[in-house]
């Protein structure tokens, strides 16, 4: 998962970001999940607070921020809602 902060007034272009990631990163390095945040939370030594983010996971019921999933079929990052999350947990969606 990658945590992103968008510039004010900008929106996530799921298809454009997918294309950009696919061009620059090998498949094993492409983030499967995206989490949009208003700001990155930092420690006192200016490191990202990754432990809390990892503990929260990708359950849309637990995570207050918008989540997106890399969808190979549509070649875009798509919103991750409760129904899609349940399909992932049940094994209906392959990661």
C-alpha atoms as a PDB file:
ATOM      1  CA  UNK A   1       0.000   0.000   0.000  1.00  0.00           C
ATOM      2  CA  UNK A   2       1.082   3.526  -0.703  1.00  0.00           C
ATOM      3  CA  UNK A   3      -0.180   6.578   1.178  1.00  0.00           C
ATOM      4  CA  UNK A   4      -0.642   9.643  -1.022  1.00  0.00           C
ATOM      5  CA  UNK A   5      -1.370  13.304  -0.414  1.00  0.00           C
ATOM      6  CA  UNK A   6      -2.870  15.109  -3.388  1.00  0.00           C
ATOM      7  CA  UNK A   7      -2.242  18.759  -4.098  1.00  0.00           C
ATOM      8  CA  UNK A   8      -5.140  21.035  -3.169  1.00  0.00           C
ATOM      9  CA  UNK A   9      -7.809  21.019  -5.857  1.00  0.00           C
ATOM     10  CA  UNK A  10      -6.497  17.843  -7.517  1.00  0.00           C
ATOM     11  CA  UNK A  11      -8.335  14.542  -7.896  1.00  0.00           C
ATOM     12  CA  UNK A  12      -6.960  11.035  -8.298  1.00  0.00           C
ATOM     13  CA  UNK A  13      -6.917   9.873 -11.911  1.00  0.00           C
ATOM     14  CA  UNK A  14      -7.076   6.100 -11.410  1.00  0.00           C
ATOM     15  CA  UNK A  15      -6.374   5.196 -15.043  1.00  0.00           C
ATOM     16  CA  UNK A  16      -3.581   7.750 -15.442  1.00  0.00           C
ATOM     17  CA  UNK A  17      -1.896   6.700 -12.222  1.00  0.00           C
ATOM     18  CA  UNK A  18      -2.144   3.032 -13.218  1.00  0.00           C
ATOM     19  CA  UNK A  19      -0.439   3.789 -16.539  1.00  0.00           C
ATOM     20  CA  UNK A  20       2.287   5.822 -14.815  1.00  0.00           C
ATOM     21  CA  UNK A  21       2.961   3.106 -12.230  1.00  0.00           C
ATOM     22  CA  UNK A  22       2.953   0.349 -14.872  1.00  0.00           C
ATOM     23  CA  UNK A  23       5.515   2.242 -16.980  1.00  0.00           C
ATOM     24  CA  UNK A  24       7.902   2.998 -14.109  1.00  0.00           C
ATOM     25  CA  UNK A  25       7.683   0.040 -11.744  1.00  0.00           C
ATOM     26  CA  UNK A  26       7.980  -3.717 -12.199  1.00  0.00           C
ATOM     27  CA  UNK A  27       4.808  -5.634 -11.269  1.00  0.00           C
ATOM     28  CA  UNK A  28       6.134  -6.747  -7.879  1.00  0.00           C
ATOM     29  CA  UNK A  29       6.778  -3.109  -6.861  1.00  0.00           C
ATOM     30  CA  UNK A  30       3.429  -1.648  -7.947  1.00  0.00           C
ATOM     31  CA  UNK A  31       1.277  -0.730  -4.942  1.00  0.00           C
ATOM     32  CA  UNK A  32      -1.890  -2.844  -4.922  1.00  0.00           C
ATOM     33  CA  UNK A  33      -3.631  -0.430  -2.573  1.00  0.00           C
ATOM     34  CA  UNK A  34      -3.624   3.355  -2.294  1.00  0.00           C
ATOM     35  CA  UNK A  35      -4.673   5.407   0.680  1.00  0.00           C
ATOM     36  CA  UNK A  36      -5.398   9.101   0.160  1.00  0.00           C
ATOM     37  CA  UNK A  37      -4.603  11.290   3.132  1.00  0.00           C
ATOM     38  CA  UNK A  38      -4.953  14.997   3.754  1.00  0.00           C
ATOM     39  CA  UNK A  39      -1.444  15.041   5.223  1.00  0.00           C
ATOM     40  CA  UNK A  40       1.234  12.516   6.094  1.00  0.00           C
ATOM     41  CA  UNK A  41       1.600  11.916   9.807  1.00  0.00           C
ATOM     42  CA  UNK A  42       5.211  12.175  10.921  1.00  0.00           C
ATOM     43  CA  UNK A  43       7.183  11.220  14.007  1.00  0.00           C
ATOM     44  CA  UNK A  44       9.251  13.734  15.964  1.00  0.00           C
ATOM     45  CA  UNK A  45      12.226  12.796  13.743  1.00  0.00           C
ATOM     46  CA  UNK A  46      10.244  13.411  10.512  1.00  0.00           C
ATOM     47  CA  UNK A  47       9.651   9.757   9.619  1.00  0.00           C
ATOM     48  CA  UNK A  48       6.299   8.536   8.352  1.00  0.00           C
ATOM     49  CA  UNK A  49       4.074   6.776  10.882  1.00  0.00           C
ATOM     50  CA  UNK A  50       3.931   3.528   8.892  1.00  0.00           C
ATOM     51  CA  UNK A  51       3.248   1.187  11.818  1.00  0.00           C
ATOM     52  CA  UNK A  52      -0.211   2.622  12.517  1.00  0.00           C
ATOM     53  CA  UNK A  53      -1.072   2.583   8.817  1.00  0.00           C
ATOM     54  CA  UNK A  54      -0.005  -1.056   8.533  1.00  0.00           C
ATOM     55  CA  UNK A  55      -2.028  -1.999  11.617  1.00  0.00           C
ATOM     56  CA  UNK A  56      -5.175  -0.418  10.182  1.00  0.00           C
ATOM     57  CA  UNK A  57      -4.796  -2.410   6.956  1.00  0.00           C
ATOM     58  CA  UNK A  58      -7.212  -1.905   4.074  1.00  0.00           C
ATOM     59  CA  UNK A  59     -10.614  -2.497   5.682  1.00  0.00           C
ATOM     60  CA  UNK A  60     -12.796   0.453   4.592  1.00  0.00           C
ATOM     61  CA  UNK A  61     -14.758   0.142   7.844  1.00  0.00           C
ATOM     62  CA  UNK A  62     -11.602   0.774   9.919  1.00  0.00           C
ATOM     63  CA  UNK A  63      -9.770   3.236   7.681  1.00  0.00           C
ATOM     64  CA  UNK A  64     -11.155   6.785   7.614  1.00  0.00           C
ATOM     65  CA  UNK A  65      -9.282   7.725   4.416  1.00  0.00           C
ATOM     66  CA  UNK A  66     -10.356   6.905   0.834  1.00  0.00           C
ATOM     67  CA  UNK A  67      -8.853   3.607  -0.368  1.00  0.00           C
ATOM     68  CA  UNK A  68      -8.197   2.411  -3.910  1.00  0.00           C
ATOM     69  CA  UNK A  69      -7.316  -0.971  -5.407  1.00  0.00           C
ATOM     70  CA  UNK A  70      -5.156  -1.614  -8.453  1.00  0.00           C
ATOM     71  CA  UNK A  71      -7.575  -3.335 -10.843  1.00  0.00           C
ATOM     72  CA  UNK A  72      -5.744  -5.200 -13.602  1.00  0.00           C
ATOM     73  CA  UNK A  73      -8.963  -5.808 -15.576  1.00  0.00           C
ATOM     74  CA  UNK A  74      -9.832  -2.121 -15.961  1.00  0.00           C
ATOM     75  CA  UNK A  75      -6.185  -0.978 -15.880  1.00  0.00           C
ATOM     76  CA  UNK A  76      -6.968   1.637 -13.232  1.00  0.00           C
ATOM     77  CA  UNK A  77      -7.022   2.263  -9.518  1.00  0.00           C
ATOM     78  CA  UNK A  78     -10.653   1.851  -8.455  1.00  0.00           C
ATOM     79  CA  UNK A  79     -12.342   2.895  -5.190  1.00  0.00           C
ATOM     80  CA  UNK A  80     -12.236   0.171  -2.538  1.00  0.00           C
ATOM     81  CA  UNK A  81     -15.617  -0.005  -0.842  1.00  0.00           C
ATOM     82  CA  UNK A  82     -17.119  -2.554   1.552  1.00  0.00           C
ATOM     83  CA  UNK A  83     -18.418  -4.862  -1.216  1.00  0.00           C
ATOM     84  CA  UNK A  84     -15.053  -5.050  -2.985  1.00  0.00           C
ATOM     85  CA  UNK A  85     -13.283  -5.537   0.348  1.00  0.00           C
ATOM     86  CA  UNK A  86     -15.566  -8.489   1.164  1.00  0.00           C
ATOM     87  CA  UNK A  87     -14.808 -10.013  -2.260  1.00  0.00           C
ATOM     88  CA  UNK A  88     -11.074  -9.730  -1.542  1.00  0.00           C
ATOM     89  CA  UNK A  89     -11.401 -11.299   1.908  1.00  0.00           C
ATOM     90  CA  UNK A  90     -13.583 -14.111   0.506  1.00  0.00           C
ATOM     91  CA  UNK A  91     -10.992 -14.813  -2.209  1.00  0.00           C
ATOM     92  CA  UNK A  92     -13.230 -13.826  -5.122  1.00  0.00           C
ATOM     93  CA  UNK A  93     -10.798 -11.090  -6.170  1.00  0.00           C
ATOM     94  CA  UNK A  94      -7.250 -12.217  -6.775  1.00  0.00           C
ATOM     95  CA  UNK A  95      -4.422  -9.903  -5.762  1.00  0.00           C
END
